Protein backbone atom coordinates (compact mmCIF):
# COMPACT_ATOMS: atom_id res chain seq x y z
CA MET A 1 -22.86 52.13 24.96
CA LYS A 2 -25.75 50.38 23.24
CA LYS A 3 -23.60 49.68 20.15
CA THR A 4 -20.93 48.13 22.37
CA SER A 5 -23.46 45.74 23.98
CA VAL A 6 -24.87 44.72 20.61
CA LEU A 7 -21.35 44.18 19.26
CA ARG A 8 -20.41 42.06 22.28
CA LEU A 9 -23.58 40.00 21.93
CA PHE A 10 -22.86 39.51 18.23
CA LEU A 11 -19.27 38.41 18.98
CA VAL A 12 -20.46 35.96 21.67
CA ILE A 13 -23.05 34.46 19.29
CA LEU A 14 -20.45 34.27 16.49
CA ALA A 15 -17.92 32.58 18.81
CA ALA A 16 -20.54 30.08 20.02
CA PHE A 17 -21.63 29.34 16.45
CA THR A 18 -18.03 28.84 15.35
CA LEU A 19 -17.28 26.59 18.31
CA PHE A 20 -20.37 24.41 17.85
CA SER A 21 -20.00 24.14 14.07
CA THR A 22 -16.32 23.13 14.48
CA VAL A 23 -17.31 20.43 16.98
CA ALA A 24 -20.03 19.15 14.62
CA VAL A 25 -17.63 19.02 11.68
CA ALA A 26 -15.02 17.17 13.75
CA ARG A 27 -17.60 14.59 14.87
CA GLU A 28 -18.77 14.04 11.32
CA GLN A 29 -15.23 13.34 10.14
CA THR A 30 -14.00 10.99 12.89
CA ARG A 31 -13.89 7.93 10.61
CA LEU A 32 -11.23 9.50 8.38
CA SER A 33 -9.45 11.57 11.02
CA ASN A 34 -9.06 8.42 13.19
CA PRO A 35 -9.04 5.65 10.56
CA ASN A 36 -7.44 2.84 12.61
CA VAL A 37 -9.41 0.89 15.22
CA VAL A 38 -8.25 -1.78 17.66
CA GLY A 39 -10.58 -3.42 20.10
CA GLY A 40 -12.28 -6.44 21.55
CA GLU A 41 -15.53 -8.16 20.81
CA ILE A 42 -17.96 -10.24 22.81
CA LEU A 43 -20.13 -12.64 20.78
CA GLY A 44 -18.68 -11.05 17.64
CA ARG A 45 -17.14 -12.52 14.51
CA GLY A 46 -14.98 -14.81 16.66
CA LEU A 47 -18.16 -16.26 18.21
CA LEU A 48 -17.36 -16.05 21.92
CA TYR A 49 -14.69 -13.33 22.20
CA GLY A 50 -11.88 -11.90 20.14
CA ILE A 51 -9.71 -8.93 19.22
CA PHE A 52 -9.91 -6.94 16.00
CA TYR A 53 -8.23 -4.30 13.86
CA ASP A 54 -9.83 -2.37 11.04
CA ARG A 55 -9.05 0.67 8.93
CA ALA A 56 -11.35 3.17 7.26
CA MET A 57 -10.67 3.31 3.54
CA SER A 58 -13.14 6.16 2.88
CA ASP A 59 -15.97 8.00 4.63
CA VAL A 60 -18.23 4.98 4.13
CA THR A 61 -15.97 1.91 3.91
CA ALA A 62 -13.62 0.01 6.20
CA ALA A 63 -11.86 -3.35 6.09
CA GLY A 64 -10.34 -5.42 8.84
CA PHE A 65 -9.57 -8.74 10.46
CA SER A 66 -9.92 -10.31 13.87
CA PHE A 67 -8.89 -13.32 15.92
CA GLY A 68 -11.31 -15.25 18.06
CA THR A 69 -11.55 -18.53 19.91
CA VAL A 70 -14.42 -20.66 21.11
CA SER A 71 -14.58 -24.06 22.79
CA ASN A 72 -16.45 -26.74 20.89
CA SER A 73 -18.71 -29.56 22.04
CA LEU A 74 -15.71 -31.90 22.49
CA GLY A 75 -13.78 -29.51 24.69
CA SER A 76 -11.18 -28.47 22.11
CA THR A 77 -10.80 -24.86 21.01
CA ALA A 78 -11.60 -23.52 17.55
CA LEU A 79 -9.43 -20.65 16.28
CA LEU A 80 -11.35 -18.27 14.01
CA ILE A 81 -9.74 -15.60 11.82
CA PRO A 82 -12.42 -13.39 10.21
CA ALA A 83 -11.62 -10.92 7.44
CA TYR A 84 -14.37 -8.42 6.69
CA PHE A 85 -15.54 -5.31 4.87
CA ASN A 86 -17.92 -2.70 6.36
CA TYR A 87 -20.15 -0.31 4.42
CA TYR A 88 -21.53 2.64 6.42
CA PHE A 89 -24.85 4.16 5.37
CA ALA A 90 -23.90 7.61 6.74
CA LYS A 91 -20.65 9.58 6.94
CA ASP A 92 -21.42 10.70 10.51
CA GLU A 93 -19.76 9.41 13.66
CA SER A 94 -22.87 7.29 14.38
CA SER A 95 -24.07 5.10 11.55
CA VAL A 96 -25.85 1.92 10.61
CA PHE A 97 -23.52 -0.37 8.65
CA ALA A 98 -23.55 -3.62 6.70
CA THR A 99 -20.68 -6.06 7.03
CA GLY A 100 -19.62 -9.10 5.06
CA GLY A 101 -16.63 -11.36 4.85
CA ILE A 102 -15.19 -14.76 5.44
CA THR A 103 -14.05 -16.55 8.56
CA LEU A 104 -11.06 -18.84 8.30
CA LEU A 105 -11.24 -21.79 10.67
CA ALA A 106 -7.51 -22.10 11.38
CA ASN A 107 -7.67 -25.56 12.94
CA ALA A 108 -10.49 -26.95 10.82
CA ASN A 109 -9.24 -30.56 10.89
CA SER A 110 -9.49 -30.80 14.67
CA VAL A 111 -13.01 -29.28 14.96
CA VAL A 112 -14.79 -30.53 11.82
CA GLY A 113 -18.30 -31.77 12.50
CA THR A 114 -18.47 -30.20 15.95
CA SER A 115 -20.41 -27.21 17.27
CA PRO A 116 -19.15 -24.43 19.52
CA LYS A 117 -20.59 -24.09 23.00
CA VAL A 118 -21.92 -20.67 21.93
CA GLY A 119 -24.25 -20.44 18.94
CA ASN A 120 -25.66 -23.15 16.74
CA VAL A 121 -22.97 -23.25 14.05
CA THR A 122 -21.72 -26.65 12.96
CA PHE A 123 -18.15 -26.48 11.70
CA SER A 124 -18.35 -28.18 8.32
CA SER A 125 -15.52 -29.73 6.36
CA GLY A 126 -14.60 -26.37 4.80
CA ALA A 127 -12.08 -24.11 6.46
CA VAL A 128 -13.78 -20.93 5.13
CA ILE A 129 -17.16 -19.80 6.45
CA PRO A 130 -19.07 -16.85 4.87
CA THR A 131 -20.40 -14.23 7.29
CA ALA A 132 -22.67 -11.18 7.00
CA GLY A 133 -24.22 -8.72 9.38
CA LEU A 134 -26.04 -5.47 10.02
CA GLY A 135 -25.08 -3.19 12.89
CA PHE A 136 -24.75 0.23 14.45
CA GLU A 137 -21.45 2.00 15.17
CA ASP A 138 -20.71 5.06 17.29
CA ARG A 139 -17.29 6.74 17.23
CA GLY A 140 -16.60 9.44 19.79
CA ASP A 141 -14.23 12.37 19.36
CA ALA A 142 -11.99 10.98 22.09
CA GLY A 143 -11.49 7.76 20.10
CA PHE A 144 -13.92 5.43 21.89
CA LEU A 145 -15.81 3.10 19.54
CA PHE A 146 -18.89 0.97 20.22
CA ARG A 147 -20.61 -1.43 17.81
CA ALA A 148 -23.69 -3.61 18.19
CA THR A 149 -24.15 -6.06 15.31
CA ALA A 150 -26.49 -8.85 14.27
CA TYR A 151 -24.48 -11.57 12.49
CA ALA A 152 -25.23 -14.52 10.24
CA MET A 153 -22.73 -17.34 9.64
CA ILE A 154 -23.39 -19.84 6.87
CA SER A 155 -21.78 -23.20 7.48
CA SER A 156 -23.63 -26.51 7.20
CA ASN A 157 -26.50 -24.51 8.74
CA LEU A 158 -27.42 -20.84 9.17
CA SER A 159 -26.55 -19.35 12.55
CA LEU A 160 -27.82 -15.95 13.72
CA TRP A 161 -26.62 -14.05 16.81
CA ALA A 162 -25.85 -10.55 18.12
CA GLY A 163 -22.50 -9.28 19.32
CA PHE A 164 -20.81 -6.20 20.75
CA SER A 165 -17.47 -4.54 20.02
CA PHE A 166 -15.55 -1.95 22.00
CA GLY A 167 -12.47 -0.26 20.70
CA TYR A 168 -10.25 2.75 20.32
CA ALA A 169 -9.91 4.72 17.07
CA PHE A 170 -6.67 6.53 16.33
C-alpha cells in the first residue's frame, strides 16, 4: 500500500512537472509559433494612431510596416507609412526590444513645413523620416500582444514620445 502511494505521488509530480515545463516552453516560443501580428497603435509610429502588421523572421528579429494619420497645424491630414525592423534582446514571450526604420510621408507636398497637433515634429521637405525606439513587448499564449515603446523621429528637429500597441499574433 505504501509503494502504491509513493508511486501515485511520483506520477502526480511527474505529470505536474511535464505540464508546467510544456507551458513554459510554449510561452518561450510564441514569437516563432505565432509569427504574424496585426494590431493598432496609439501614439506609435504613425504619431497619433495607426494600424500595423509585422512578422517574426527569427527568435530575435521581426520586420513590419504600418499606416498612420495625424492632423497638422493647418488642419490637413498627414499620411505616414512607417517600415521598421525590431531586434529583441530575449527569445522569451516578454522582451525588451530596439526598433529602427523609416517613415514615408505619403503626402509630403501638402504638409511640408507644418507640425502635427501631436508631438513636436516639423515635417521637413523630405518625404522620408528616420525613426528609432526602445520598448517592451509581451506576447501571450492566446495571441494577445502589448508593446510600450519610446520613439525618436529625426526630421528638421528631434522629437521624442512614447506610444502603445495592441495586437493579435497568429
